[in-house]
């Protein structure tokens, strides 16, 4: 059987946790930081989880995740 291909765009954005949930970074933490408050930047540092309804779609894009 041929190998399954990983969607590289998904591999850059998502990680699978040890329990099988899908982790993603929060949006809006790449540039224009001087306009954002320190509290907001601190909150954006933490990763977020994907909603359960989207997990199946993301895991299909990451077959070896």
PDB file of N, CA and C in Angstrom:
ATOM      1  N   UNK A   1       0.840  -1.201   0.000  1.00  0.00           N
ATOM      2  CA  UNK A   1       0.000   0.000   0.000  1.00  0.00           C
ATOM      3  C   UNK A   1       0.876   1.253   0.000  1.00  0.00           C
ATOM      4  N   UNK A   2       0.456   2.281  -0.731  1.00  0.00           N
ATOM      5  CA  UNK A   2       1.213   3.536  -0.690  1.00  0.00           C
ATOM      6  C   UNK A   2       0.979   4.262   0.639  1.00  0.00           C
ATOM      7  N   UNK A   3       1.918   5.127   0.953  1.00  0.00           N
ATOM      8  CA  UNK A   3       1.776   5.908   2.189  1.00  0.00           C
ATOM      9  C   UNK A   3       0.679   6.955   2.015  1.00  0.00           C
ATOM     10  N   UNK A   4       0.024   7.285   3.128  1.00  0.00           N
ATOM     11  CA  UNK A   4      -0.970   8.359   3.099  1.00  0.00           C
ATOM     12  C   UNK A   4      -0.248   9.680   3.254  1.00  0.00           C
ATOM     13  N   UNK A   5      -0.708  10.700   2.544  1.00  0.00           N
ATOM     14  CA  UNK A   5      -0.046  12.001   2.607  1.00  0.00           C
ATOM     15  C   UNK A   5      -0.662  12.871   3.688  1.00  0.00           C
ATOM     16  N   UNK A   6       0.207  13.581   4.408  1.00  0.00           N
ATOM     17  CA  UNK A   6      -0.229  14.534   5.414  1.00  0.00           C
ATOM     18  C   UNK A   6      -0.478  15.872   4.740  1.00  0.00           C
ATOM     19  N   UNK A   7      -1.573  16.537   5.098  1.00  0.00           N
ATOM     20  CA  UNK A   7      -1.806  17.896   4.611  1.00  0.00           C
ATOM     21  C   UNK A   7      -0.860  18.816   5.364  1.00  0.00           C
ATOM     22  N   UNK A   8       0.126  19.376   4.664  1.00  0.00           N
ATOM     23  CA  UNK A   8       1.180  20.147   5.325  1.00  0.00           C
ATOM     24  C   UNK A   8       0.644  21.416   5.971  1.00  0.00           C
ATOM     25  N   UNK A   9      -0.397  22.020   5.394  1.00  0.00           N
ATOM     26  CA  UNK A   9      -0.956  23.229   6.010  1.00  0.00           C
ATOM     27  C   UNK A   9      -1.563  22.893   7.371  1.00  0.00           C
ATOM     28  N   UNK A  10      -2.188  21.722   7.477  1.00  0.00           N
ATOM     29  CA  UNK A  10      -2.780  21.305   8.753  1.00  0.00           C
ATOM     30  C   UNK A  10      -1.689  20.945   9.757  1.00  0.00           C
ATOM     31  N   UNK A  11      -0.602  20.341   9.274  1.00  0.00           N
ATOM     32  CA  UNK A  11       0.494  19.942  10.169  1.00  0.00           C
ATOM     33  C   UNK A  11       1.148  21.159  10.815  1.00  0.00           C
ATOM     34  N   UNK A  12       1.157  22.289  10.103  1.00  0.00           N
ATOM     35  CA  UNK A  12       1.749  23.507  10.662  1.00  0.00           C
ATOM     36  C   UNK A  12       0.846  24.154  11.698  1.00  0.00           C
ATOM     37  N   UNK A  13      -0.463  23.905  11.617  1.00  0.00           N
ATOM     38  CA  UNK A  13      -1.414  24.605  12.475  1.00  0.00           C
ATOM     39  C   UNK A  13      -1.915  23.801  13.659  1.00  0.00           C
ATOM     40  N   UNK A  14      -1.934  22.487  13.561  1.00  0.00           N
ATOM     41  CA  UNK A  14      -2.537  21.662  14.606  1.00  0.00           C
ATOM     42  C   UNK A  14      -1.556  20.650  15.163  1.00  0.00           C
ATOM     43  N   UNK A  15      -1.758  20.283  16.430  1.00  0.00           N
ATOM     44  CA  UNK A  15      -1.000  19.211  17.065  1.00  0.00           C
ATOM     45  C   UNK A  15      -1.999  18.305  17.777  1.00  0.00           C
ATOM     46  N   UNK A  16      -1.707  17.012  17.792  1.00  0.00           N
ATOM     47  CA  UNK A  16      -2.566  16.060  18.501  1.00  0.00           C
ATOM     48  C   UNK A  16      -1.975  15.845  19.895  1.00  0.00           C
ATOM     49  N   UNK A  17      -2.810  15.949  20.917  1.00  0.00           N
ATOM     50  CA  UNK A  17      -2.334  15.769  22.284  1.00  0.00           C
ATOM     51  C   UNK A  17      -2.227  14.281  22.599  1.00  0.00           C
ATOM     52  N   UNK A  18      -1.700  13.967  23.754  1.00  0.00           N
ATOM     53  CA  UNK A  18      -1.543  12.582  24.172  1.00  0.00           C
ATOM     54  C   UNK A  18      -2.869  11.872  24.353  1.00  0.00           C
ATOM     55  N   UNK A  19      -3.911  12.620  24.717  1.00  0.00           N
ATOM     56  CA  UNK A  19      -5.230  12.014  24.911  1.00  0.00           C
ATOM     57  C   UNK A  19      -6.026  11.936  23.612  1.00  0.00           C
ATOM     58  N   UNK A  20      -5.475  12.507  22.518  1.00  0.00           N
ATOM     59  CA  UNK A  20      -6.155  12.412  21.232  1.00  0.00           C
ATOM     60  C   UNK A  20      -6.938  13.648  20.836  1.00  0.00           C
ATOM     61  N   UNK A  21      -6.948  14.668  21.691  1.00  0.00           N
ATOM     62  CA  UNK A  21      -7.623  15.923  21.328  1.00  0.00           C
ATOM     63  C   UNK A  21      -6.727  16.702  20.364  1.00  0.00           C
ATOM     64  N   UNK A  22      -7.302  17.699  19.685  1.00  0.00           N
ATOM     65  CA  UNK A  22      -6.542  18.502  18.716  1.00  0.00           C
ATOM     66  C   UNK A  22      -6.321  19.888  19.303  1.00  0.00           C
ATOM     67  N   UNK A  23      -5.055  20.313  19.320  1.00  0.00           N
ATOM     68  CA  UNK A  23      -4.668  21.592  19.894  1.00  0.00           C
ATOM     69  C   UNK A  23      -4.371  22.571  18.776  1.00  0.00           C
ATOM     70  N   UNK A  24      -4.707  23.838  18.964  1.00  0.00           N
ATOM     71  CA  UNK A  24      -4.404  24.866  17.967  1.00  0.00           C
ATOM     72  C   UNK A  24      -3.965  26.142  18.665  1.00  0.00           C
ATOM     73  N   UNK A  25      -3.130  26.963  18.004  1.00  0.00           N
ATOM     74  CA  UNK A  25      -2.778  28.248  18.610  1.00  0.00           C
ATOM     75  C   UNK A  25      -3.919  29.242  18.459  1.00  0.00           C
ATOM     76  N   UNK A  26      -3.976  30.213  19.347  1.00  0.00           N
ATOM     77  CA  UNK A  26      -5.029  31.217  19.268  1.00  0.00           C
ATOM     78  C   UNK A  26      -4.715  32.216  18.166  1.00  0.00           C
ATOM     79  N   UNK A  27      -5.752  32.749  17.571  1.00  0.00           N
ATOM     80  CA  UNK A  27      -5.634  33.665  16.439  1.00  0.00           C
ATOM     81  C   UNK A  27      -5.222  35.057  16.921  1.00  0.00           C
ATOM     82  N   UNK A  28      -4.425  35.745  16.114  1.00  0.00           N
ATOM     83  CA  UNK A  28      -4.114  37.145  16.379  1.00  0.00           C
ATOM     84  C   UNK A  28      -2.864  37.383  17.187  1.00  0.00           C
ATOM     85  N   UNK A  29      -1.893  36.479  17.147  1.00  0.00           N
ATOM     86  CA  UNK A  29      -0.694  36.653  17.962  1.00  0.00           C
ATOM     87  C   UNK A  29       0.577  36.696  17.111  1.00  0.00           C
ATOM     88  N   UNK A  30       0.507  37.214  15.902  1.00  0.00           N
ATOM     89  CA  UNK A  30       1.677  37.233  15.036  1.00  0.00           C
ATOM     90  C   UNK A  30       2.280  38.615  14.818  1.00  0.00           C
ATOM     91  N   UNK A  31       1.453  39.626  14.723  1.00  0.00           N
ATOM     92  CA  UNK A  31       2.004  40.960  14.469  1.00  0.00           C
ATOM     93  C   UNK A  31       1.078  42.011  15.058  1.00  0.00           C
ATOM     94  N   UNK A  32       1.467  43.292  14.963  1.00  0.00           N
ATOM     95  CA  UNK A  32       0.723  44.437  15.529  1.00  0.00           C
ATOM     96  C   UNK A  32       0.564  44.293  17.038  1.00  0.00           C
ATOM     97  N   UNK A  33       1.636  43.859  17.711  1.00  0.00           N
ATOM     98  CA  UNK A  33       1.553  43.619  19.143  1.00  0.00           C
ATOM     99  C   UNK A  33       1.484  44.916  19.961  1.00  0.00           C
ATOM    100  N   UNK A  34       2.014  46.015  19.412  1.00  0.00           N
ATOM    101  CA  UNK A  34       2.031  47.240  20.221  1.00  0.00           C
ATOM    102  C   UNK A  34       0.617  47.789  20.452  1.00  0.00           C
ATOM    103  N   UNK A  35      -0.347  47.429  19.592  1.00  0.00           N
ATOM    104  CA  UNK A  35      -1.722  47.895  19.785  1.00  0.00           C
ATOM    105  C   UNK A  35      -2.485  47.041  20.803  1.00  0.00           C
ATOM    106  N   UNK A  36      -1.963  45.857  21.092  1.00  0.00           N
ATOM    107  CA  UNK A  36      -2.666  44.938  21.986  1.00  0.00           C
ATOM    108  C   UNK A  36      -2.182  45.129  23.422  1.00  0.00           C
ATOM    109  N   UNK A  37      -3.104  44.971  24.369  1.00  0.00           N
ATOM    110  CA  UNK A  37      -2.744  45.136  25.775  1.00  0.00           C
ATOM    111  C   UNK A  37      -1.908  43.943  26.239  1.00  0.00           C
ATOM    112  N   UNK A  38      -1.155  44.150  27.325  1.00  0.00           N
ATOM    113  CA  UNK A  38      -0.303  43.085  27.856  1.00  0.00           C
ATOM    114  C   UNK A  38      -1.170  41.901  28.279  1.00  0.00           C
ATOM    115  N   UNK A  39      -2.332  42.209  28.856  1.00  0.00           N
ATOM    116  CA  UNK A  39      -3.245  41.159  29.310  1.00  0.00           C
ATOM    117  C   UNK A  39      -3.718  40.310  28.120  1.00  0.00           C
ATOM    118  N   UNK A  40      -4.016  40.980  27.015  1.00  0.00           N
ATOM    119  CA  UNK A  40      -4.492  40.282  25.817  1.00  0.00           C
ATOM    120  C   UNK A  40      -3.399  39.402  25.212  1.00  0.00           C
ATOM    121  N   UNK A  41      -2.163  39.907  25.165  1.00  0.00           N
ATOM    122  CA  UNK A  41      -1.031  39.145  24.620  1.00  0.00           C
ATOM    123  C   UNK A  41      -0.769  37.913  25.481  1.00  0.00           C
ATOM    124  N   UNK A  42      -0.854  38.078  26.810  1.00  0.00           N
ATOM    125  CA  UNK A  42      -0.662  36.963  27.739  1.00  0.00           C
ATOM    126  C   UNK A  42      -1.710  35.876  27.509  1.00  0.00           C
ATOM    127  N   UNK A  43      -2.949  36.307  27.284  1.00  0.00           N
ATOM    128  CA  UNK A  43      -4.034  35.366  27.044  1.00  0.00           C
ATOM    129  C   UNK A  43      -3.859  34.623  25.721  1.00  0.00           C
ATOM    130  N   UNK A  44      -3.283  35.292  24.720  1.00  0.00           N
ATOM    131  CA  UNK A  44      -3.089  34.684  23.396  1.00  0.00           C
ATOM    132  C   UNK A  44      -1.968  33.653  23.380  1.00  0.00           C
ATOM    133  N   UNK A  45      -1.083  33.687  24.382  1.00  0.00           N
ATOM    134  CA  UNK A  45       0.038  32.742  24.427  1.00  0.00           C
ATOM    135  C   UNK A  45      -0.428  31.305  24.570  1.00  0.00           C
ATOM    136  N   UNK A  46      -1.482  31.089  25.349  1.00  0.00           N
ATOM    137  CA  UNK A  46      -1.942  29.733  25.639  1.00  0.00           C
ATOM    138  C   UNK A  46      -2.619  29.114  24.430  1.00  0.00           C
ATOM    139  N   UNK A  47      -2.418  27.814  24.239  1.00  0.00           N
ATOM    140  CA  UNK A  47      -3.066  27.112  23.139  1.00  0.00           C
ATOM    141  C   UNK A  47      -4.525  26.860  23.474  1.00  0.00           C
ATOM    142  N   UNK A  48      -5.282  26.609  22.428  1.00  0.00           N
ATOM    143  CA  UNK A  48      -6.708  26.366  22.555  1.00  0.00           C
ATOM    144  C   UNK A  48      -7.015  24.994  21.978  1.00  0.00           C
ATOM    145  N   UNK A  49      -8.127  24.422  22.362  1.00  0.00           N
ATOM    146  CA  UNK A  49      -8.534  23.133  21.806  1.00  0.00           C
ATOM    147  C   UNK A  49      -9.560  23.357  20.701  1.00  0.00           C
ATOM    148  N   UNK A  50      -9.553  22.440  19.740  1.00  0.00           N
ATOM    149  CA  UNK A  50     -10.531  22.480  18.655  1.00  0.00           C
ATOM    150  C   UNK A  50     -11.830  21.884  19.170  1.00  0.00           C
ATOM    151  N   UNK A  51     -12.944  22.370  18.669  1.00  0.00           N
ATOM    152  CA  UNK A  51     -14.244  21.845  19.080  1.00  0.00           C
ATOM    153  C   UNK A  51     -14.383  20.390  18.619  1.00  0.00           C
ATOM    154  N   UNK A  52     -15.099  19.612  19.410  1.00  0.00           N
ATOM    155  CA  UNK A  52     -15.239  18.174  19.140  1.00  0.00           C
ATOM    156  C   UNK A  52     -15.781  17.894  17.741  1.00  0.00           C
ATOM    157  N   UNK A  53     -16.656  18.772  17.237  1.00  0.00           N
ATOM    158  CA  UNK A  53     -17.274  18.527  15.935  1.00  0.00           C
ATOM    159  C   UNK A  53     -16.275  18.639  14.785  1.00  0.00           C
ATOM    160  N   UNK A  54     -15.142  19.345  14.989  1.00  0.00           N
ATOM    161  CA  UNK A  54     -14.136  19.499  13.934  1.00  0.00           C
ATOM    162  C   UNK A  54     -12.995  18.498  14.040  1.00  0.00           C
ATOM    163  N   UNK A  55     -12.913  17.794  15.158  1.00  0.00           N
ATOM    164  CA  UNK A  55     -11.769  16.900  15.386  1.00  0.00           C
ATOM    165  C   UNK A  55     -11.624  15.841  14.301  1.00  0.00           C
ATOM    166  N   UNK A  56     -12.731  15.273  13.859  1.00  0.00           N
ATOM    167  CA  UNK A  56     -12.695  14.216  12.854  1.00  0.00           C
ATOM    168  C   UNK A  56     -12.081  14.730  11.543  1.00  0.00           C
ATOM    169  N   UNK A  57     -12.431  15.959  11.154  1.00  0.00           N
ATOM    170  CA  UNK A  57     -11.916  16.545   9.917  1.00  0.00           C
ATOM    171  C   UNK A  57     -10.412  16.782   9.999  1.00  0.00           C
ATOM    172  N   UNK A  58      -9.969  17.300  11.127  1.00  0.00           N
ATOM    173  CA  UNK A  58      -8.545  17.607  11.296  1.00  0.00           C
ATOM    174  C   UNK A  58      -7.725  16.325  11.353  1.00  0.00           C
ATOM    175  N   UNK A  59      -8.226  15.330  12.063  1.00  0.00           N
ATOM    176  CA  UNK A  59      -7.487  14.068  12.181  1.00  0.00           C
ATOM    177  C   UNK A  59      -7.383  13.348  10.841  1.00  0.00           C
ATOM    178  N   UNK A  60      -8.350  13.571   9.965  1.00  0.00           N
ATOM    179  CA  UNK A  60      -8.275  12.986   8.629  1.00  0.00           C
ATOM    180  C   UNK A  60      -7.144  13.622   7.818  1.00  0.00           C
ATOM    181  N   UNK A  61      -6.873  14.907   8.087  1.00  0.00           N
ATOM    182  CA  UNK A  61      -5.793  15.605   7.385  1.00  0.00           C
ATOM    183  C   UNK A  61      -4.415  15.240   7.954  1.00  0.00           C
ATOM    184  N   UNK A  62      -4.398  14.719   9.193  1.00  0.00           N
ATOM    185  CA  UNK A  62      -3.144  14.333   9.848  1.00  0.00           C
ATOM    186  C   UNK A  62      -3.168  12.839  10.123  1.00  0.00           C
ATOM    187  N   UNK A  63      -2.962  11.992   9.112  1.00  0.00           N
ATOM    188  CA  UNK A  63      -3.119  10.554   9.335  1.00  0.00           C
ATOM    189  C   UNK A  63      -2.112   9.961  10.300  1.00  0.00           C
ATOM    190  N   UNK A  64      -0.921  10.556  10.423  1.00  0.00           N
ATOM    191  CA  UNK A  64       0.101  10.016  11.315  1.00  0.00           C
ATOM    192  C   UNK A  64       0.278  10.876  12.557  1.00  0.00           C
ATOM    193  N   UNK A  65      -0.687  11.762  12.852  1.00  0.00           N
ATOM    194  CA  UNK A  65      -0.584  12.709  13.938  1.00  0.00           C
ATOM    195  C   UNK A  65      -0.601  12.073  15.240  1.00  0.00           C
TER     196      UNK A  65
END
